[in-house]
Protein backbone atom coordinates (compact mmCIF):
# COMPACT_ATOMS: atom_id res chain seq x y z
CA MET A 1 55.04 -30.04 184.00
CA ALA A 2 55.98 -26.45 184.77
CA GLU A 3 54.77 -26.80 188.33
CA MET A 4 56.77 -29.96 188.92
CA GLU A 5 59.86 -28.33 187.43
CA SER A 6 59.46 -25.29 189.66
CA PHE A 7 58.97 -27.49 192.73
CA ALA A 8 62.07 -29.51 191.80
CA ALA A 9 64.12 -26.33 191.44
CA LEU A 10 63.34 -25.21 194.99
CA PRO A 11 65.23 -26.43 198.04
CA ILE A 12 63.51 -29.45 199.58
CA ALA A 13 63.66 -28.69 203.25
CA ASN A 14 61.12 -31.04 204.84
CA ARG A 15 58.57 -33.83 204.37
CA ARG A 16 55.92 -31.34 203.24
CA ASP A 17 58.17 -30.21 200.38
CA LYS A 18 58.76 -33.84 199.39
CA ALA A 19 55.03 -34.58 199.54
CA GLY A 20 54.32 -31.55 197.32
CA LEU A 21 56.90 -32.65 194.77
CA ILE A 22 55.53 -36.19 194.78
CA GLN A 23 52.00 -34.89 194.28
CA ALA A 24 53.18 -32.72 191.36
CA PHE A 25 54.81 -35.87 189.94
CA GLU A 26 51.51 -37.76 190.24
CA PHE A 27 49.61 -35.01 188.42
CA THR A 28 52.27 -34.69 185.72
CA PHE A 29 52.47 -38.43 185.17
CA LYS A 30 48.69 -38.63 184.83
CA LEU A 31 48.63 -35.83 182.26
CA VAL A 32 51.46 -37.40 180.25
CA TRP A 33 50.10 -40.93 180.20
CA ARG A 34 46.64 -39.65 179.23
CA THR A 35 48.28 -37.79 176.35
CA PHE A 36 50.00 -41.04 175.34
CA GLN A 37 46.66 -42.80 175.74
CA LYS A 38 45.01 -40.37 173.34
CA LEU A 39 47.79 -40.38 170.76
CA GLY A 40 48.10 -44.18 170.68
CA PRO A 41 44.73 -45.00 169.09
CA GLU A 42 45.03 -42.01 166.76
CA SER A 43 48.09 -43.82 165.39
CA GLY A 44 46.48 -47.27 165.39
CA LEU A 45 48.04 -48.44 168.67
CA GLU A 46 46.24 -49.84 171.71
CA ALA A 47 46.61 -47.61 174.74
CA ALA A 48 43.83 -48.53 177.16
CA SER A 49 46.09 -48.99 180.20
CA ARG A 50 49.05 -47.00 181.49
CA ARG A 51 51.40 -49.79 180.40
CA GLU A 52 49.90 -49.88 176.89
CA ALA A 53 50.08 -46.09 176.71
CA LEU A 54 53.80 -46.23 177.51
CA ILE A 55 54.32 -48.91 174.87
CA ALA A 56 52.44 -46.73 172.36
CA ALA A 57 54.60 -43.75 173.33
CA THR A 58 57.73 -45.79 172.65
CA SER A 59 56.33 -46.93 169.29
CA LEU A 60 55.57 -43.31 168.42
CA HIS A 61 59.12 -42.32 169.46
CA LEU A 62 57.81 -40.03 172.19
CA VAL A 63 59.86 -42.17 174.57
CA ALA A 64 63.24 -43.31 173.30
CA ASP A 65 64.08 -46.99 173.69
CA VAL A 66 66.90 -46.13 176.10
CA GLU A 67 64.38 -44.22 178.28
CA ALA A 68 61.80 -47.03 178.44
CA GLU A 69 63.11 -48.49 181.71
CA ASP A 70 63.01 -45.06 183.37
CA TRP A 71 59.38 -44.72 182.27
CA SER A 72 58.60 -48.20 183.60
CA GLN A 73 60.14 -47.21 186.93
CA MET A 74 58.08 -44.00 186.86
CA LEU A 75 54.94 -46.08 186.41
CA ARG A 76 55.90 -48.31 189.35
CA ASP A 77 56.70 -45.26 191.48
CA ARG A 78 53.43 -43.60 190.51
CA ASN A 79 51.52 -46.70 191.57
CA LEU A 80 53.38 -46.80 194.88
CA THR A 81 52.89 -43.12 195.70
CA SER A 82 49.16 -43.29 195.17
CA HIS A 83 48.70 -46.17 197.61
CA THR A 84 51.14 -45.63 200.43
CA TYR A 85 53.40 -43.13 202.12
CA HIS A 86 56.66 -44.44 203.47
CA VAL A 87 59.46 -42.03 204.30
CA VAL A 88 62.28 -44.11 202.79
CA LEU A 89 60.26 -44.79 199.64
CA ALA A 90 59.37 -41.08 199.37
CA ASP A 91 63.06 -40.18 199.64
CA GLN A 92 63.96 -42.65 196.87
CA ILE A 93 61.22 -41.36 194.58
CA VAL A 94 62.17 -37.73 195.21
CA GLU A 95 65.77 -38.59 194.32
CA ARG A 96 64.63 -40.19 191.05
CA LEU A 97 62.40 -37.18 190.37
CA LEU A 98 65.31 -34.79 190.74
CA THR A 99 67.89 -36.87 188.87
CA ILE A 100 65.85 -38.60 186.15
CA TYR A 101 62.12 -37.98 185.93
CA VAL A 102 61.97 -34.21 185.48
CA ASP A 103 64.33 -34.49 182.53
CA ARG A 104 62.38 -37.43 181.05
CA PHE A 105 59.14 -35.44 181.25
CA ARG A 106 60.79 -32.38 179.69
CA VAL A 107 62.30 -34.27 176.74
CA THR A 108 59.12 -36.25 176.12
CA LEU A 109 57.02 -33.09 176.19
CA GLN A 110 59.28 -31.57 173.53
CA ARG A 111 58.93 -34.68 171.36
CA THR A 112 55.16 -34.73 171.84
CA ARG A 113 54.83 -31.08 170.87
CA SER A 114 56.84 -31.68 167.70
CA ILE A 115 54.66 -34.63 166.70
CA ILE A 116 51.39 -32.83 167.46
CA SER A 117 52.45 -29.75 165.50
CA ARG A 118 53.08 -31.77 162.32
């Protein structure tokens, strides 16, 4: 998360910068959904797939109901970035990273830490 935040805070001057930010997003998303995947069954919720892990995270209030669509879009974007590179798509995902996703990760990490520390 910290690496993605630091990348997002820097000026994005070229395609290499965008690719680095997208890769940091992929790593961060993987870490977060695996955390959801682990916490789900510990709370009696199925979380075998990414989609189920996101549903479990919503049930555990790690993801607020109003944030669920952003997380669904993140999942779609994550699936797209791992299979293709298209300049226009990369630009759209970078825009969502800077305006939505970094904040969603940050808030969810805070919620997760508070639940784990209980």
